[in-house]
């Protein structure tokens, strides 16, 4: 996993928050990716944790939770047949994530630029609304849904 350059998104006090307690968008979590022209490495664990799912199970989760507003699945990055979902920091603490999910709360993650398209990795979802919205996925709903995914 290697070392990544520090970003303004790494906040030792916990999750990045916007005005009036709103949860962060991808631009808030990944400010260096906003103007990037190629994928870059970001630190996992301070501003966000991640959970990786095979692409098919991730799509099933999005579809099964479609009736919730706002949608509980936030931003998702597609890479090598899986989706990486962004969770609030420390959201996996003490939880056992069922296979096929892999929870990660440290290390680095290569993310695509926010404004420039690239093939691998790429953004499958920019947040939980049509215009981006919150980057975080609701960990408790996703955790409860995992046994239902095929």
N, C-alpha and C. Protein backbone atom coordinates (compact mmCIF):
# COMPACT_ATOMS: atom_id res chain seq x y z
N UNK A 1 0.80 -1.19 0.00
CA UNK A 1 0.00 0.00 0.00
C UNK A 1 0.84 1.25 0.00
N UNK A 2 1.95 1.33 0.61
CA UNK A 2 2.84 2.46 0.50
C UNK A 2 2.35 3.73 1.15
N UNK A 3 3.18 4.72 1.08
CA UNK A 3 2.88 6.00 1.71
C UNK A 3 2.25 6.94 0.71
N UNK A 4 1.28 7.72 1.14
CA UNK A 4 0.61 8.67 0.27
C UNK A 4 0.86 10.08 0.77
N UNK A 5 0.82 11.03 -0.14
CA UNK A 5 0.96 12.40 0.31
C UNK A 5 -0.23 12.79 1.17
N UNK A 6 0.02 13.61 2.16
CA UNK A 6 -1.05 14.07 3.03
C UNK A 6 -1.98 15.00 2.25
N UNK A 7 -3.26 14.92 2.51
CA UNK A 7 -4.22 15.81 1.87
C UNK A 7 -4.90 16.64 2.93
N UNK A 8 -5.52 17.71 2.49
CA UNK A 8 -6.26 18.56 3.43
C UNK A 8 -7.45 17.80 4.02
N UNK A 9 -7.84 16.67 3.42
CA UNK A 9 -8.98 15.92 3.91
C UNK A 9 -8.64 15.14 5.18
N UNK A 10 -7.39 14.91 5.45
CA UNK A 10 -7.04 14.15 6.63
C UNK A 10 -7.18 15.03 7.85
N UNK A 11 -8.18 14.74 8.64
CA UNK A 11 -8.54 15.56 9.79
C UNK A 11 -8.43 14.72 11.04
N UNK A 12 -7.45 14.96 11.91
CA UNK A 12 -7.27 14.11 13.08
C UNK A 12 -8.44 14.14 14.04
N UNK A 13 -9.30 15.13 13.95
CA UNK A 13 -10.44 15.22 14.86
C UNK A 13 -11.59 14.31 14.43
N UNK A 14 -11.53 13.72 13.25
CA UNK A 14 -12.60 12.84 12.80
C UNK A 14 -13.10 13.23 11.43
N UNK A 15 -14.38 12.89 11.11
CA UNK A 15 -14.88 13.11 9.77
C UNK A 15 -14.89 14.59 9.39
N UNK A 16 -14.67 14.82 8.12
CA UNK A 16 -14.76 16.17 7.59
C UNK A 16 -16.23 16.55 7.57
N UNK A 17 -16.56 17.73 8.07
CA UNK A 17 -17.96 18.19 8.07
C UNK A 17 -18.04 19.52 7.35
N UNK A 18 -19.16 19.71 6.69
CA UNK A 18 -19.41 20.97 6.01
C UNK A 18 -20.24 21.86 6.91
N UNK A 19 -20.56 23.02 6.44
CA UNK A 19 -21.37 23.96 7.21
C UNK A 19 -22.67 23.32 7.67
N UNK A 20 -23.13 23.70 8.84
CA UNK A 20 -24.40 23.26 9.41
C UNK A 20 -24.48 21.75 9.60
N UNK A 21 -23.33 21.09 9.82
CA UNK A 21 -23.32 19.67 10.13
C UNK A 21 -23.53 18.74 8.94
N UNK A 22 -23.55 19.27 7.72
CA UNK A 22 -23.71 18.42 6.55
C UNK A 22 -22.49 17.52 6.40
N UNK A 23 -22.72 16.30 5.99
CA UNK A 23 -21.61 15.39 5.76
C UNK A 23 -20.92 15.73 4.44
N UNK A 24 -19.65 15.36 4.30
CA UNK A 24 -18.85 15.83 3.17
C UNK A 24 -19.17 15.18 1.83
N UNK A 25 -18.90 15.94 0.79
CA UNK A 25 -18.94 15.45 -0.58
C UNK A 25 -17.56 14.91 -0.93
N UNK A 26 -17.43 14.33 -2.12
CA UNK A 26 -16.11 13.87 -2.55
C UNK A 26 -15.11 15.02 -2.63
N UNK A 27 -15.56 16.17 -3.08
CA UNK A 27 -14.66 17.32 -3.16
C UNK A 27 -14.15 17.71 -1.77
N UNK A 28 -14.97 17.55 -0.74
CA UNK A 28 -14.54 17.83 0.63
C UNK A 28 -13.53 16.79 1.12
N UNK A 29 -13.82 15.51 0.85
CA UNK A 29 -12.94 14.43 1.31
C UNK A 29 -11.63 14.36 0.54
N UNK A 30 -11.69 14.69 -0.74
CA UNK A 30 -10.54 14.51 -1.63
C UNK A 30 -10.21 15.81 -2.35
N UNK A 31 -9.85 16.85 -1.63
CA UNK A 31 -9.63 18.15 -2.27
C UNK A 31 -8.52 18.12 -3.32
N UNK A 32 -7.50 17.30 -3.14
CA UNK A 32 -6.42 17.23 -4.12
C UNK A 32 -6.87 16.54 -5.41
N UNK A 33 -7.87 15.66 -5.33
CA UNK A 33 -8.40 14.98 -6.52
C UNK A 33 -9.28 15.89 -7.35
N UNK A 34 -9.75 16.97 -6.74
CA UNK A 34 -10.64 17.88 -7.45
C UNK A 34 -9.95 18.47 -8.68
N UNK A 35 -8.71 18.88 -8.56
CA UNK A 35 -7.99 19.50 -9.67
C UNK A 35 -6.98 18.57 -10.35
N UNK A 36 -6.92 17.33 -9.90
CA UNK A 36 -5.95 16.38 -10.45
C UNK A 36 -6.30 16.01 -11.89
N UNK A 37 -5.28 15.66 -12.65
CA UNK A 37 -5.49 15.22 -14.03
C UNK A 37 -5.25 13.72 -14.18
N UNK A 38 -4.78 13.09 -13.12
CA UNK A 38 -4.54 11.64 -13.14
C UNK A 38 -4.80 11.08 -11.74
N UNK A 39 -4.94 9.76 -11.61
CA UNK A 39 -5.19 9.18 -10.29
C UNK A 39 -4.08 9.55 -9.30
N UNK A 40 -4.46 9.65 -8.02
CA UNK A 40 -3.50 9.96 -6.98
C UNK A 40 -3.77 9.14 -5.74
N UNK A 41 -2.77 9.01 -4.89
CA UNK A 41 -2.89 8.24 -3.65
C UNK A 41 -3.37 9.15 -2.53
N UNK A 42 -4.34 8.64 -1.76
CA UNK A 42 -4.83 9.37 -0.59
C UNK A 42 -4.80 8.44 0.61
N UNK A 43 -4.74 9.02 1.76
CA UNK A 43 -4.65 8.28 3.02
C UNK A 43 -6.05 7.81 3.45
N UNK A 44 -6.15 6.57 3.87
CA UNK A 44 -7.39 5.98 4.38
C UNK A 44 -7.31 5.95 5.90
N UNK A 45 -8.42 6.23 6.59
CA UNK A 45 -8.47 6.02 8.02
C UNK A 45 -8.71 7.25 8.87
N UNK A 46 -8.40 8.43 8.38
CA UNK A 46 -8.63 9.61 9.19
C UNK A 46 -9.93 10.30 8.78
N UNK A 47 -10.07 10.63 7.51
CA UNK A 47 -11.28 11.28 7.02
C UNK A 47 -12.32 10.26 6.55
N UNK A 48 -11.88 9.04 6.27
CA UNK A 48 -12.81 8.00 5.82
C UNK A 48 -12.18 6.62 5.95
N UNK A 49 -13.03 5.60 6.10
CA UNK A 49 -12.67 4.20 5.93
C UNK A 49 -13.22 3.80 4.56
N UNK A 50 -12.87 2.60 4.12
CA UNK A 50 -13.45 2.10 2.87
C UNK A 50 -13.90 0.66 3.07
N UNK A 51 -14.85 0.27 2.24
CA UNK A 51 -15.23 -1.13 2.16
C UNK A 51 -15.30 -1.47 0.67
N UNK A 52 -14.67 -2.59 0.30
CA UNK A 52 -14.65 -3.02 -1.09
C UNK A 52 -15.60 -4.19 -1.26
N UNK A 53 -16.37 -4.14 -2.34
CA UNK A 53 -17.31 -5.21 -2.69
C UNK A 53 -17.14 -5.55 -4.17
N UNK A 54 -17.37 -6.81 -4.55
CA UNK A 54 -17.41 -7.10 -5.98
C UNK A 54 -18.47 -6.21 -6.64
N UNK A 55 -18.21 -5.79 -7.87
CA UNK A 55 -19.09 -4.84 -8.55
C UNK A 55 -20.55 -5.30 -8.55
N UNK A 56 -20.80 -6.57 -8.79
CA UNK A 56 -22.19 -7.05 -8.86
C UNK A 56 -22.89 -6.90 -7.52
N UNK A 57 -22.24 -7.25 -6.43
CA UNK A 57 -22.86 -7.10 -5.10
C UNK A 57 -23.06 -5.62 -4.77
N UNK A 58 -22.15 -4.77 -5.18
CA UNK A 58 -22.31 -3.33 -4.95
C UNK A 58 -23.53 -2.80 -5.69
N UNK A 59 -23.70 -3.23 -6.94
CA UNK A 59 -24.89 -2.81 -7.71
C UNK A 59 -26.17 -3.32 -7.04
N UNK A 60 -26.14 -4.56 -6.54
CA UNK A 60 -27.30 -5.09 -5.82
C UNK A 60 -27.62 -4.25 -4.60
N UNK A 61 -26.60 -3.84 -3.86
CA UNK A 61 -26.82 -3.01 -2.67
C UNK A 61 -27.46 -1.68 -3.06
N UNK A 62 -26.96 -1.06 -4.13
CA UNK A 62 -27.55 0.20 -4.60
C UNK A 62 -29.02 -0.01 -4.95
N UNK A 63 -29.33 -1.07 -5.67
CA UNK A 63 -30.72 -1.33 -6.07
C UNK A 63 -31.62 -1.67 -4.89
N UNK A 64 -31.15 -2.47 -3.95
CA UNK A 64 -31.98 -2.86 -2.81
C UNK A 64 -32.28 -1.70 -1.86
N UNK A 65 -31.42 -0.69 -1.86
CA UNK A 65 -31.62 0.45 -0.97
C UNK A 65 -32.19 1.67 -1.70
N UNK A 66 -32.64 1.48 -2.93
CA UNK A 66 -33.08 2.61 -3.76
C UNK A 66 -34.26 3.37 -3.18
N UNK A 67 -35.08 2.76 -2.32
CA UNK A 67 -36.26 3.44 -1.79
C UNK A 67 -35.93 4.41 -0.65
N UNK A 68 -34.71 4.37 -0.13
CA UNK A 68 -34.31 5.29 0.93
C UNK A 68 -33.93 6.65 0.34
N UNK A 69 -34.29 7.72 1.03
CA UNK A 69 -33.89 9.08 0.64
C UNK A 69 -33.30 9.79 1.82
N UNK A 70 -32.11 10.35 1.76
CA UNK A 70 -31.19 10.18 0.64
C UNK A 70 -30.68 8.74 0.58
N UNK A 71 -30.22 8.36 -0.60
CA UNK A 71 -29.75 6.99 -0.80
C UNK A 71 -28.61 6.70 0.17
N UNK A 72 -28.63 5.54 0.85
CA UNK A 72 -27.59 5.22 1.84
C UNK A 72 -26.22 4.89 1.25
N UNK A 73 -26.16 4.62 -0.06
CA UNK A 73 -24.86 4.36 -0.68
C UNK A 73 -24.33 5.68 -1.23
N UNK A 74 -23.18 6.09 -0.74
CA UNK A 74 -22.58 7.35 -1.16
C UNK A 74 -21.70 7.15 -2.39
N UNK A 75 -20.53 7.75 -2.36
CA UNK A 75 -19.60 7.67 -3.49
C UNK A 75 -19.05 6.26 -3.62
N UNK A 76 -18.80 5.85 -4.86
CA UNK A 76 -18.23 4.53 -5.12
C UNK A 76 -17.24 4.65 -6.27
N UNK A 77 -16.12 4.06 -6.07
CA UNK A 77 -15.07 4.03 -7.07
C UNK A 77 -14.99 2.62 -7.64
N UNK A 78 -14.97 2.48 -8.96
CA UNK A 78 -14.87 1.18 -9.61
C UNK A 78 -13.42 0.92 -10.00
N UNK A 79 -12.94 -0.28 -9.64
CA UNK A 79 -11.55 -0.62 -9.94
C UNK A 79 -11.40 -2.13 -9.96
N UNK A 80 -10.98 -2.67 -11.10
CA UNK A 80 -10.68 -4.10 -11.24
C UNK A 80 -11.79 -5.01 -10.76
N UNK A 81 -13.02 -4.75 -11.20
CA UNK A 81 -14.14 -5.64 -10.89
C UNK A 81 -14.75 -5.46 -9.52
N UNK A 82 -14.33 -4.44 -8.79
CA UNK A 82 -14.95 -4.19 -7.49
C UNK A 82 -15.25 -2.70 -7.34
N UNK A 83 -16.12 -2.42 -6.41
CA UNK A 83 -16.44 -1.04 -6.05
C UNK A 83 -15.88 -0.79 -4.66
N UNK A 84 -15.31 0.38 -4.48
CA UNK A 84 -14.82 0.83 -3.19
C UNK A 84 -15.77 1.91 -2.70
N UNK A 85 -16.40 1.66 -1.54
CA UNK A 85 -17.36 2.59 -0.96
C UNK A 85 -16.69 3.33 0.20
N UNK A 86 -17.02 4.59 0.35
CA UNK A 86 -16.44 5.43 1.40
C UNK A 86 -17.35 5.42 2.61
N UNK A 87 -16.77 5.14 3.77
CA UNK A 87 -17.50 5.09 5.04
C UNK A 87 -16.96 6.17 5.97
N UNK A 88 -17.77 6.59 6.94
CA UNK A 88 -17.23 7.51 7.95
C UNK A 88 -16.04 6.86 8.66
N UNK A 89 -15.08 7.66 9.12
CA UNK A 89 -13.93 7.07 9.81
C UNK A 89 -14.34 6.30 11.05
N UNK A 90 -13.64 5.22 11.30
CA UNK A 90 -13.86 4.33 12.45
C UNK A 90 -15.22 3.64 12.43
N UNK A 91 -15.90 3.63 11.30
CA UNK A 91 -17.23 3.02 11.24
C UNK A 91 -17.18 1.50 11.28
N UNK A 92 -16.05 0.92 11.01
CA UNK A 92 -15.94 -0.53 11.07
C UNK A 92 -15.39 -1.04 12.38
N UNK A 93 -15.13 -0.13 13.32
CA UNK A 93 -14.53 -0.52 14.59
C UNK A 93 -15.41 -1.54 15.31
N UNK A 94 -14.85 -2.71 15.58
CA UNK A 94 -15.56 -3.75 16.30
C UNK A 94 -16.54 -4.55 15.47
N UNK A 95 -16.70 -4.23 14.20
CA UNK A 95 -17.65 -4.95 13.34
C UNK A 95 -16.93 -6.05 12.57
N UNK A 96 -17.63 -7.13 12.35
CA UNK A 96 -17.13 -8.19 11.47
C UNK A 96 -17.85 -8.04 10.15
N UNK A 97 -17.14 -7.66 9.13
CA UNK A 97 -17.72 -7.47 7.80
C UNK A 97 -17.74 -8.81 7.09
N UNK A 98 -18.94 -9.24 6.69
CA UNK A 98 -19.12 -10.51 6.00
C UNK A 98 -18.49 -10.47 4.62
N UNK A 99 -18.01 -11.63 4.20
CA UNK A 99 -17.54 -11.77 2.82
C UNK A 99 -18.75 -11.55 1.93
N UNK A 100 -18.63 -10.93 0.84
CA UNK A 100 -17.39 -10.61 0.14
C UNK A 100 -16.83 -9.22 0.48
N UNK A 101 -17.36 -8.54 1.48
CA UNK A 101 -16.90 -7.20 1.82
C UNK A 101 -15.54 -7.24 2.50
N UNK A 102 -14.70 -6.27 2.17
CA UNK A 102 -13.40 -6.09 2.82
C UNK A 102 -13.35 -4.67 3.36
N UNK A 103 -13.30 -4.55 4.67
CA UNK A 103 -13.22 -3.23 5.31
C UNK A 103 -11.76 -2.86 5.52
N UNK A 104 -11.41 -1.60 5.21
CA UNK A 104 -10.04 -1.11 5.37
C UNK A 104 -10.10 0.22 6.11
N UNK A 105 -9.26 0.36 7.15
CA UNK A 105 -9.26 1.61 7.91
C UNK A 105 -7.87 2.24 8.03
N UNK A 106 -6.94 1.81 7.18
CA UNK A 106 -5.61 2.40 7.18
C UNK A 106 -4.96 2.16 5.83
N UNK A 107 -3.85 2.83 5.59
CA UNK A 107 -3.12 2.66 4.34
C UNK A 107 -3.45 3.76 3.35
N UNK A 108 -3.22 3.45 2.09
CA UNK A 108 -3.51 4.42 1.03
C UNK A 108 -4.43 3.80 -0.01
N UNK A 109 -5.08 4.67 -0.75
CA UNK A 109 -6.01 4.27 -1.80
C UNK A 109 -5.75 5.14 -3.00
N UNK A 110 -5.66 4.53 -4.18
CA UNK A 110 -5.53 5.32 -5.40
C UNK A 110 -6.93 5.70 -5.87
N UNK A 111 -7.16 7.00 -6.04
CA UNK A 111 -8.46 7.50 -6.46
C UNK A 111 -8.33 8.23 -7.79
N UNK A 112 -9.38 8.18 -8.60
CA UNK A 112 -9.34 8.92 -9.86
C UNK A 112 -9.58 10.41 -9.62
N UNK A 113 -9.22 11.24 -10.59
CA UNK A 113 -9.53 12.66 -10.46
C UNK A 113 -11.04 12.86 -10.46
N UNK A 114 -11.48 13.95 -9.88
CA UNK A 114 -12.92 14.22 -9.81
C UNK A 114 -13.45 14.85 -11.09
N UNK A 115 -12.65 15.62 -11.79
CA UNK A 115 -13.14 16.34 -12.96
C UNK A 115 -12.62 15.80 -14.29
N UNK A 116 -11.66 14.91 -14.25
CA UNK A 116 -11.09 14.33 -15.46
C UNK A 116 -11.43 12.86 -15.49
N UNK A 117 -11.95 12.39 -16.62
CA UNK A 117 -12.30 10.97 -16.72
C UNK A 117 -11.05 10.12 -16.93
N UNK A 118 -11.07 8.94 -16.34
CA UNK A 118 -10.03 7.95 -16.61
C UNK A 118 -10.69 6.57 -16.57
N UNK A 119 -10.04 5.60 -17.19
CA UNK A 119 -10.63 4.26 -17.29
C UNK A 119 -10.51 3.46 -15.99
N UNK A 120 -9.36 3.46 -15.38
CA UNK A 120 -9.11 2.69 -14.15
C UNK A 120 -8.24 3.52 -13.23
N UNK A 121 -8.60 3.74 -12.04
CA UNK A 121 -9.93 3.60 -11.47
C UNK A 121 -10.86 4.69 -12.01
N UNK A 122 -12.17 4.50 -11.81
CA UNK A 122 -13.16 5.49 -12.26
C UNK A 122 -14.24 5.61 -11.21
N UNK A 123 -15.02 6.69 -11.27
CA UNK A 123 -16.12 6.89 -10.33
C UNK A 123 -17.36 6.20 -10.85
N UNK A 124 -17.93 5.30 -10.06
CA UNK A 124 -19.20 4.65 -10.38
C UNK A 124 -20.35 5.47 -9.82
N UNK A 125 -20.13 6.15 -8.70
CA UNK A 125 -21.10 7.05 -8.07
C UNK A 125 -20.33 8.22 -7.48
N UNK A 126 -20.87 9.41 -7.61
CA UNK A 126 -20.20 10.60 -7.07
C UNK A 126 -20.76 11.00 -5.72
N UNK A 127 -21.75 10.29 -5.23
CA UNK A 127 -22.38 10.59 -3.95
C UNK A 127 -23.77 10.01 -3.93
N UNK A 128 -24.55 10.37 -2.93
CA UNK A 128 -25.85 9.72 -2.77
C UNK A 128 -27.04 10.49 -3.35
N UNK A 129 -26.78 11.53 -4.14
CA UNK A 129 -27.86 12.20 -4.88
C UNK A 129 -27.40 12.37 -6.31
N UNK A 130 -28.29 12.78 -7.17
CA UNK A 130 -27.96 12.96 -8.58
C UNK A 130 -26.87 13.97 -8.84
N UNK A 131 -26.65 14.89 -7.93
CA UNK A 131 -25.65 15.94 -8.14
C UNK A 131 -24.43 15.77 -7.24
N UNK A 132 -24.18 14.60 -6.78
CA UNK A 132 -23.03 14.35 -5.90
C UNK A 132 -23.49 13.99 -4.52
N UNK A 133 -23.78 14.97 -3.71
CA UNK A 133 -24.27 14.70 -2.37
C UNK A 133 -23.20 14.12 -1.47
N UNK A 134 -23.64 13.50 -0.39
CA UNK A 134 -22.75 12.96 0.62
C UNK A 134 -21.90 11.82 0.05
N UNK A 135 -20.62 11.84 0.36
CA UNK A 135 -19.71 10.80 -0.11
C UNK A 135 -19.82 9.52 0.70
N UNK A 136 -20.23 9.62 1.97
CA UNK A 136 -20.25 8.45 2.84
C UNK A 136 -21.42 7.53 2.55
N UNK A 137 -21.14 6.22 2.68
CA UNK A 137 -22.18 5.19 2.68
C UNK A 137 -22.57 4.94 4.13
N UNK A 138 -23.84 4.69 4.36
CA UNK A 138 -24.33 4.39 5.72
C UNK A 138 -23.84 2.99 6.11
N UNK A 139 -22.88 2.88 7.02
CA UNK A 139 -22.28 1.58 7.31
C UNK A 139 -23.23 0.58 7.93
N UNK A 140 -24.14 1.01 8.80
CA UNK A 140 -25.04 0.05 9.45
C UNK A 140 -26.00 -0.58 8.45
N UNK A 141 -26.56 0.20 7.54
CA UNK A 141 -27.45 -0.37 6.53
C UNK A 141 -26.69 -1.31 5.60
N UNK A 142 -25.51 -0.91 5.16
CA UNK A 142 -24.72 -1.77 4.30
C UNK A 142 -24.34 -3.06 5.02
N UNK A 143 -23.92 -2.95 6.25
CA UNK A 143 -23.54 -4.12 7.04
C UNK A 143 -24.71 -5.10 7.17
N UNK A 144 -25.88 -4.58 7.45
CA UNK A 144 -27.07 -5.44 7.59
C UNK A 144 -27.49 -6.07 6.27
N UNK A 145 -27.20 -5.41 5.17
CA UNK A 145 -27.61 -5.88 3.85
C UNK A 145 -26.70 -6.98 3.31
N UNK A 146 -25.47 -7.06 3.75
CA UNK A 146 -24.50 -7.99 3.18
C UNK A 146 -24.98 -9.45 3.08
N UNK A 147 -25.66 -10.00 4.09
CA UNK A 147 -26.09 -11.40 3.95
C UNK A 147 -27.12 -11.63 2.82
N UNK A 148 -27.77 -10.55 2.37
CA UNK A 148 -28.78 -10.68 1.32
C UNK A 148 -28.22 -10.57 -0.07
N UNK A 149 -26.97 -10.21 -0.20
CA UNK A 149 -26.36 -10.05 -1.51
C UNK A 149 -25.87 -11.40 -2.01
N UNK A 150 -26.09 -11.66 -3.30
CA UNK A 150 -25.70 -12.97 -3.86
C UNK A 150 -24.45 -12.86 -4.71
